N, C-alpha and C. Protein backbone atom coordinates (compact mmCIF):
# COMPACT_ATOMS: atom_id res chain seq x y z
N MET A 1 12.98 3.33 7.02
CA MET A 1 13.27 2.83 5.70
C MET A 1 11.94 2.59 4.99
N TRP A 2 11.89 3.00 3.75
CA TRP A 2 10.67 2.82 2.94
C TRP A 2 10.84 1.66 1.97
N ILE A 3 9.78 0.89 1.81
CA ILE A 3 9.77 -0.26 0.91
C ILE A 3 8.51 -0.19 0.05
N ALA A 4 8.66 -0.37 -1.26
CA ALA A 4 7.51 -0.49 -2.16
C ALA A 4 7.04 -1.95 -2.06
N ALA A 5 5.93 -2.17 -1.39
CA ALA A 5 5.41 -3.53 -1.15
C ALA A 5 4.34 -3.83 -2.19
N LEU A 6 4.76 -4.44 -3.29
CA LEU A 6 3.87 -4.63 -4.43
C LEU A 6 2.66 -5.49 -4.09
N ARG A 7 2.84 -6.57 -3.38
CA ARG A 7 1.70 -7.44 -3.05
C ARG A 7 0.71 -6.76 -2.12
N LEU A 8 1.19 -5.88 -1.26
CA LEU A 8 0.30 -5.15 -0.36
C LEU A 8 -0.27 -3.90 -1.01
N ARG A 9 0.26 -3.53 -2.18
CA ARG A 9 -0.17 -2.36 -2.94
C ARG A 9 -0.03 -1.09 -2.12
N GLY A 10 1.16 -0.97 -1.47
CA GLY A 10 1.43 0.22 -0.69
C GLY A 10 2.91 0.40 -0.43
N ASN A 11 3.30 1.62 -0.11
CA ASN A 11 4.66 1.93 0.28
C ASN A 11 4.69 1.92 1.81
N ILE A 12 5.57 1.09 2.37
CA ILE A 12 5.58 0.87 3.81
C ILE A 12 6.86 1.41 4.41
N ARG A 13 6.71 2.18 5.50
CA ARG A 13 7.87 2.62 6.27
C ARG A 13 8.04 1.63 7.41
N VAL A 14 9.27 1.07 7.51
CA VAL A 14 9.57 0.12 8.58
C VAL A 14 10.77 0.63 9.37
N ASP A 15 10.83 0.22 10.62
CA ASP A 15 12.00 0.50 11.45
C ASP A 15 13.12 -0.39 10.92
N PRO A 16 14.25 0.17 10.48
CA PRO A 16 15.30 -0.65 9.87
C PRO A 16 15.99 -1.60 10.86
N LYS A 17 15.82 -1.39 12.15
CA LYS A 17 16.43 -2.30 13.13
C LYS A 17 15.52 -3.47 13.47
N THR A 18 14.21 -3.19 13.58
CA THR A 18 13.28 -4.25 14.00
C THR A 18 12.41 -4.78 12.87
N TRP A 19 12.38 -4.07 11.75
CA TRP A 19 11.52 -4.38 10.60
C TRP A 19 10.03 -4.27 10.94
N GLN A 20 9.72 -3.59 12.02
CA GLN A 20 8.33 -3.37 12.40
C GLN A 20 7.72 -2.28 11.51
N PRO A 21 6.55 -2.53 10.94
CA PRO A 21 5.90 -1.50 10.12
C PRO A 21 5.51 -0.30 10.99
N GLU A 22 5.68 0.90 10.42
CA GLU A 22 5.33 2.13 11.13
C GLU A 22 4.23 2.91 10.41
N MET A 23 4.19 2.80 9.09
CA MET A 23 3.22 3.58 8.30
C MET A 23 3.09 2.93 6.94
N ILE A 24 1.91 3.06 6.33
CA ILE A 24 1.72 2.60 4.96
C ILE A 24 1.03 3.72 4.17
N ILE A 25 1.52 3.94 2.97
CA ILE A 25 0.89 4.86 2.03
C ILE A 25 0.36 3.99 0.88
N PRO A 26 -0.97 3.85 0.78
CA PRO A 26 -1.53 3.04 -0.31
C PRO A 26 -1.11 3.58 -1.67
N PHE A 27 -0.88 2.67 -2.61
CA PHE A 27 -0.51 3.06 -3.96
C PHE A 27 -1.60 3.95 -4.58
N TYR A 28 -1.15 4.90 -5.35
CA TYR A 28 -2.02 5.76 -6.15
C TYR A 28 -2.85 4.88 -7.07
N GLN A 29 -4.15 5.08 -7.04
CA GLN A 29 -5.05 4.28 -7.87
C GLN A 29 -5.63 5.14 -8.98
N ALA A 30 -5.31 4.82 -10.20
CA ALA A 30 -5.85 5.56 -11.34
C ALA A 30 -6.07 4.59 -12.49
N PRO A 31 -7.05 4.86 -13.33
CA PRO A 31 -7.24 4.00 -14.49
C PRO A 31 -5.95 3.92 -15.31
N ASN A 32 -5.63 2.75 -15.77
CA ASN A 32 -4.44 2.53 -16.60
C ASN A 32 -3.13 2.78 -15.87
N ARG A 33 -3.10 2.84 -14.58
CA ARG A 33 -1.85 2.97 -13.82
C ARG A 33 -1.86 1.87 -12.76
N THR A 34 -1.66 0.65 -13.20
CA THR A 34 -1.75 -0.51 -12.30
C THR A 34 -0.41 -1.18 -12.05
N ARG A 35 0.66 -0.66 -12.64
CA ARG A 35 2.00 -1.21 -12.42
C ARG A 35 2.80 -0.21 -11.60
N TYR A 36 3.47 -0.71 -10.57
CA TYR A 36 4.21 0.15 -9.65
C TYR A 36 5.66 -0.32 -9.59
N HIS A 37 6.57 0.65 -9.54
CA HIS A 37 7.98 0.32 -9.47
C HIS A 37 8.62 1.08 -8.31
N ASP A 38 9.84 1.45 -8.48
CA ASP A 38 10.67 1.97 -7.39
C ASP A 38 10.17 3.30 -6.82
N ILE A 39 10.68 3.61 -5.64
CA ILE A 39 10.37 4.86 -4.94
C ILE A 39 11.67 5.55 -4.52
N THR A 40 11.58 6.86 -4.28
CA THR A 40 12.69 7.61 -3.72
C THR A 40 12.13 8.78 -2.92
N ILE A 41 12.88 9.21 -1.94
CA ILE A 41 12.47 10.30 -1.05
C ILE A 41 13.07 11.61 -1.53
N ASP A 42 12.27 12.69 -1.44
CA ASP A 42 12.70 14.01 -1.89
C ASP A 42 12.07 15.08 -1.00
N ASN A 43 12.84 15.59 -0.03
CA ASN A 43 12.40 16.72 0.80
C ASN A 43 10.98 16.57 1.35
N GLY A 44 10.73 15.52 2.10
CA GLY A 44 9.42 15.34 2.72
C GLY A 44 8.36 14.77 1.81
N THR A 45 8.78 14.36 0.61
CA THR A 45 7.85 13.73 -0.33
C THR A 45 8.47 12.44 -0.85
N MET A 46 7.64 11.63 -1.48
CA MET A 46 8.10 10.38 -2.09
C MET A 46 7.63 10.35 -3.54
N TRP A 47 8.55 10.05 -4.45
CA TRP A 47 8.24 9.82 -5.86
C TRP A 47 8.12 8.32 -6.09
N GLN A 48 7.21 7.91 -6.95
CA GLN A 48 7.09 6.51 -7.34
C GLN A 48 6.81 6.42 -8.83
N ILE A 49 7.46 5.45 -9.47
CA ILE A 49 7.20 5.18 -10.88
C ILE A 49 5.94 4.34 -11.00
N VAL A 50 5.04 4.74 -11.90
CA VAL A 50 3.80 4.01 -12.16
C VAL A 50 3.67 3.82 -13.67
N GLY A 51 2.85 2.89 -14.06
CA GLY A 51 2.63 2.66 -15.48
C GLY A 51 1.41 1.80 -15.74
N ASN A 52 1.07 1.69 -16.99
CA ASN A 52 -0.07 0.86 -17.38
C ASN A 52 0.37 -0.58 -17.63
N ASP A 53 -0.58 -1.48 -17.60
CA ASP A 53 -0.31 -2.89 -17.89
C ASP A 53 -0.51 -3.08 -19.39
N CYS A 54 0.53 -3.51 -20.09
CA CYS A 54 0.45 -3.64 -21.54
C CYS A 54 1.35 -4.79 -22.00
N LYS A 55 1.33 -5.06 -23.28
CA LYS A 55 2.06 -6.20 -23.84
C LYS A 55 3.34 -5.83 -24.56
N SER A 56 3.60 -4.52 -24.77
CA SER A 56 4.82 -4.13 -25.47
C SER A 56 5.18 -2.68 -25.15
N TYR A 57 6.40 -2.34 -25.46
CA TYR A 57 6.92 -0.99 -25.23
C TYR A 57 6.07 0.06 -25.94
N LYS A 58 5.65 -0.23 -27.15
CA LYS A 58 4.91 0.78 -27.94
C LYS A 58 3.60 1.18 -27.29
N ASP A 59 3.07 0.34 -26.39
CA ASP A 59 1.81 0.65 -25.71
C ASP A 59 2.00 1.11 -24.27
N TYR A 60 3.26 1.25 -23.83
CA TYR A 60 3.53 1.59 -22.44
C TYR A 60 3.35 3.08 -22.18
N SER A 61 2.80 3.40 -21.02
CA SER A 61 2.55 4.78 -20.64
C SER A 61 3.02 5.00 -19.19
N PRO A 62 4.34 5.23 -18.99
CA PRO A 62 4.84 5.41 -17.63
C PRO A 62 4.62 6.82 -17.10
N GLY A 63 4.73 6.94 -15.80
CA GLY A 63 4.61 8.24 -15.17
C GLY A 63 5.18 8.20 -13.76
N LEU A 64 5.03 9.29 -13.07
CA LEU A 64 5.45 9.41 -11.68
C LEU A 64 4.27 9.90 -10.85
N VAL A 65 4.23 9.47 -9.62
CA VAL A 65 3.29 10.01 -8.65
C VAL A 65 4.12 10.48 -7.46
N ARG A 66 3.72 11.61 -6.89
CA ARG A 66 4.45 12.17 -5.75
C ARG A 66 3.50 12.23 -4.56
N TYR A 67 3.94 11.66 -3.45
CA TYR A 67 3.14 11.61 -2.22
C TYR A 67 3.75 12.54 -1.17
N ASP A 68 2.90 13.12 -0.33
CA ASP A 68 3.35 13.84 0.85
C ASP A 68 3.64 12.77 1.91
N LEU A 69 4.86 12.74 2.46
CA LEU A 69 5.22 11.70 3.43
C LEU A 69 4.47 11.82 4.75
N ALA A 70 4.07 13.01 5.13
CA ALA A 70 3.37 13.19 6.41
C ALA A 70 1.93 12.69 6.35
N THR A 71 1.28 12.89 5.19
CA THR A 71 -0.14 12.55 5.08
C THR A 71 -0.43 11.38 4.15
N GLY A 72 0.50 11.07 3.24
CA GLY A 72 0.27 10.02 2.25
C GLY A 72 -0.54 10.49 1.06
N LYS A 73 -0.96 11.75 1.06
CA LYS A 73 -1.77 12.26 -0.05
C LYS A 73 -0.94 12.45 -1.30
N VAL A 74 -1.58 12.21 -2.44
CA VAL A 74 -0.94 12.47 -3.74
C VAL A 74 -0.91 13.98 -3.94
N ILE A 75 0.28 14.51 -4.22
CA ILE A 75 0.39 15.95 -4.44
C ILE A 75 0.76 16.31 -5.88
N GLU A 76 1.16 15.31 -6.66
CA GLU A 76 1.53 15.59 -8.05
C GLU A 76 1.59 14.29 -8.84
N THR A 77 1.20 14.36 -10.10
CA THR A 77 1.40 13.26 -11.03
C THR A 77 2.08 13.82 -12.28
N VAL A 78 2.90 12.99 -12.90
CA VAL A 78 3.66 13.40 -14.08
C VAL A 78 3.61 12.28 -15.10
N ASP A 79 3.30 12.61 -16.34
CA ASP A 79 3.34 11.63 -17.43
C ASP A 79 4.66 11.77 -18.18
N PHE A 80 5.26 10.65 -18.54
CA PHE A 80 6.47 10.67 -19.37
C PHE A 80 6.06 10.93 -20.83
N ALA A 81 6.96 11.50 -21.59
CA ALA A 81 6.72 11.69 -23.02
C ALA A 81 6.52 10.31 -23.65
N PRO A 82 5.57 10.17 -24.58
CA PRO A 82 5.35 8.87 -25.22
C PRO A 82 6.64 8.31 -25.83
N ASN A 83 6.84 7.01 -25.66
CA ASN A 83 7.99 6.28 -26.21
C ASN A 83 9.33 6.85 -25.77
N SER A 84 9.40 7.40 -24.55
CA SER A 84 10.66 7.98 -24.09
C SER A 84 11.51 7.00 -23.30
N CYS A 85 10.89 6.05 -22.56
CA CYS A 85 11.67 5.13 -21.74
C CYS A 85 10.75 4.12 -21.08
N ASP A 86 11.37 3.15 -20.42
CA ASP A 86 10.66 2.16 -19.60
C ASP A 86 11.29 2.19 -18.21
N PRO A 87 10.96 3.19 -17.38
CA PRO A 87 11.63 3.35 -16.09
C PRO A 87 11.25 2.27 -15.09
N HIS A 88 12.24 1.83 -14.31
CA HIS A 88 11.99 0.85 -13.24
C HIS A 88 12.60 1.35 -11.94
N GLY A 89 13.93 1.46 -11.88
CA GLY A 89 14.59 1.96 -10.68
C GLY A 89 14.41 3.47 -10.57
N LEU A 90 14.55 4.00 -9.35
CA LEU A 90 14.39 5.43 -9.15
C LEU A 90 15.25 5.86 -7.97
N ALA A 91 15.95 6.97 -8.12
CA ALA A 91 16.78 7.50 -7.04
C ALA A 91 16.82 9.02 -7.14
N MET A 92 17.06 9.64 -5.99
CA MET A 92 17.32 11.08 -5.95
C MET A 92 18.82 11.20 -5.77
N HIS A 93 19.50 11.84 -6.72
CA HIS A 93 20.95 11.99 -6.67
C HIS A 93 21.32 13.44 -6.93
N GLU A 94 21.93 14.07 -5.92
CA GLU A 94 22.34 15.46 -6.03
C GLU A 94 21.21 16.36 -6.53
N GLY A 95 20.01 16.13 -5.96
CA GLY A 95 18.85 16.95 -6.29
C GLY A 95 18.17 16.63 -7.60
N ARG A 96 18.57 15.54 -8.23
CA ARG A 96 17.99 15.16 -9.52
C ARG A 96 17.38 13.77 -9.44
N LEU A 97 16.25 13.59 -10.12
CA LEU A 97 15.66 12.25 -10.22
C LEU A 97 16.42 11.46 -11.28
N VAL A 98 16.82 10.25 -10.93
CA VAL A 98 17.55 9.37 -11.84
C VAL A 98 16.82 8.04 -11.89
N SER A 99 16.71 7.46 -13.07
CA SER A 99 16.04 6.18 -13.23
C SER A 99 16.86 5.28 -14.15
N CYS A 100 16.40 4.04 -14.26
CA CYS A 100 17.05 3.09 -15.17
C CYS A 100 15.99 2.24 -15.84
N ASP A 101 16.36 1.72 -16.99
CA ASP A 101 15.51 0.81 -17.75
C ASP A 101 16.19 -0.55 -17.74
N ALA A 102 15.59 -1.49 -17.03
CA ALA A 102 16.19 -2.81 -16.87
C ALA A 102 16.20 -3.63 -18.16
N GLY A 103 15.34 -3.30 -19.09
CA GLY A 103 15.26 -4.07 -20.33
C GLY A 103 14.43 -5.33 -20.20
N ILE A 104 13.89 -5.54 -19.02
CA ILE A 104 13.04 -6.71 -18.77
C ILE A 104 11.73 -6.21 -18.19
N HIS A 105 10.64 -6.53 -18.84
CA HIS A 105 9.32 -6.08 -18.41
C HIS A 105 8.39 -7.28 -18.53
N PRO A 106 7.71 -7.68 -17.46
CA PRO A 106 6.84 -8.86 -17.54
C PRO A 106 5.85 -8.77 -18.69
N GLY A 107 5.80 -9.81 -19.50
CA GLY A 107 4.88 -9.87 -20.62
C GLY A 107 5.43 -9.31 -21.92
N TRP A 108 6.59 -8.68 -21.87
CA TRP A 108 7.21 -8.13 -23.09
C TRP A 108 8.36 -9.02 -23.51
N ALA A 109 8.74 -8.90 -24.77
CA ALA A 109 9.98 -9.53 -25.23
C ALA A 109 11.13 -8.83 -24.52
N ASN A 110 12.18 -9.57 -24.15
CA ASN A 110 13.33 -8.94 -23.50
C ASN A 110 13.93 -7.87 -24.39
N LYS A 111 14.32 -6.77 -23.77
CA LYS A 111 14.92 -5.62 -24.44
C LYS A 111 14.03 -5.03 -25.53
N ASP A 112 12.71 -5.10 -25.32
CA ASP A 112 11.75 -4.49 -26.25
C ASP A 112 11.90 -2.97 -26.26
N SER A 113 12.28 -2.41 -25.11
CA SER A 113 12.46 -0.96 -25.01
C SER A 113 13.78 -0.55 -25.65
N PRO A 114 13.78 0.52 -26.45
CA PRO A 114 15.04 0.99 -27.05
C PRO A 114 16.00 1.59 -26.03
N THR A 115 15.53 1.84 -24.80
CA THR A 115 16.41 2.37 -23.76
C THR A 115 16.83 1.29 -22.77
N ALA A 116 16.68 0.03 -23.12
CA ALA A 116 17.06 -1.08 -22.24
C ALA A 116 18.52 -0.94 -21.82
N GLY A 117 18.75 -0.99 -20.51
CA GLY A 117 20.10 -0.88 -19.97
C GLY A 117 20.56 0.54 -19.70
N TRP A 118 19.77 1.52 -20.05
CA TRP A 118 20.15 2.92 -19.86
C TRP A 118 19.90 3.38 -18.43
N ILE A 119 20.70 4.34 -18.00
CA ILE A 119 20.47 5.11 -16.78
C ILE A 119 20.27 6.54 -17.25
N PHE A 120 19.23 7.21 -16.75
CA PHE A 120 18.91 8.52 -17.27
C PHE A 120 18.33 9.44 -16.20
N GLU A 121 18.47 10.73 -16.43
CA GLU A 121 17.89 11.75 -15.54
C GLU A 121 16.47 12.04 -16.00
N ILE A 122 15.59 12.26 -15.04
CA ILE A 122 14.21 12.62 -15.34
C ILE A 122 14.06 14.12 -15.10
N GLU A 123 13.73 14.85 -16.15
CA GLU A 123 13.52 16.29 -16.03
C GLU A 123 12.02 16.55 -16.04
N ILE A 124 11.57 17.29 -15.04
CA ILE A 124 10.15 17.63 -14.95
C ILE A 124 10.01 19.10 -15.26
N SER A 125 9.18 19.38 -16.27
CA SER A 125 9.00 20.80 -16.64
C SER A 125 7.57 21.22 -16.46
């Protein structure tokens, strides 16, 4: 089982029966990408939502980072279209990336994002 461990700044694989850590993949470190959210597994890789630290939706710059599960190396990064969403949750459903916008973002007014409460598919082109 994989857990996004925000305080440890890494994605940790634990044995779901014993909760013993087995592996850690340190969070992708890039300028202006200091906020980390949910993860999901996709065919031997892991996607994670990342974003910049800002005070409002209009200044938010979310993206995705994709890690190789065997090595932990970053194999792809994706930027979201400006002002498209405030993604938090992430899941792989029937071969598609799906996310949600909780409408609550630390430091922002509640429901500052126009997509607050939405569930949406992420298309990568």
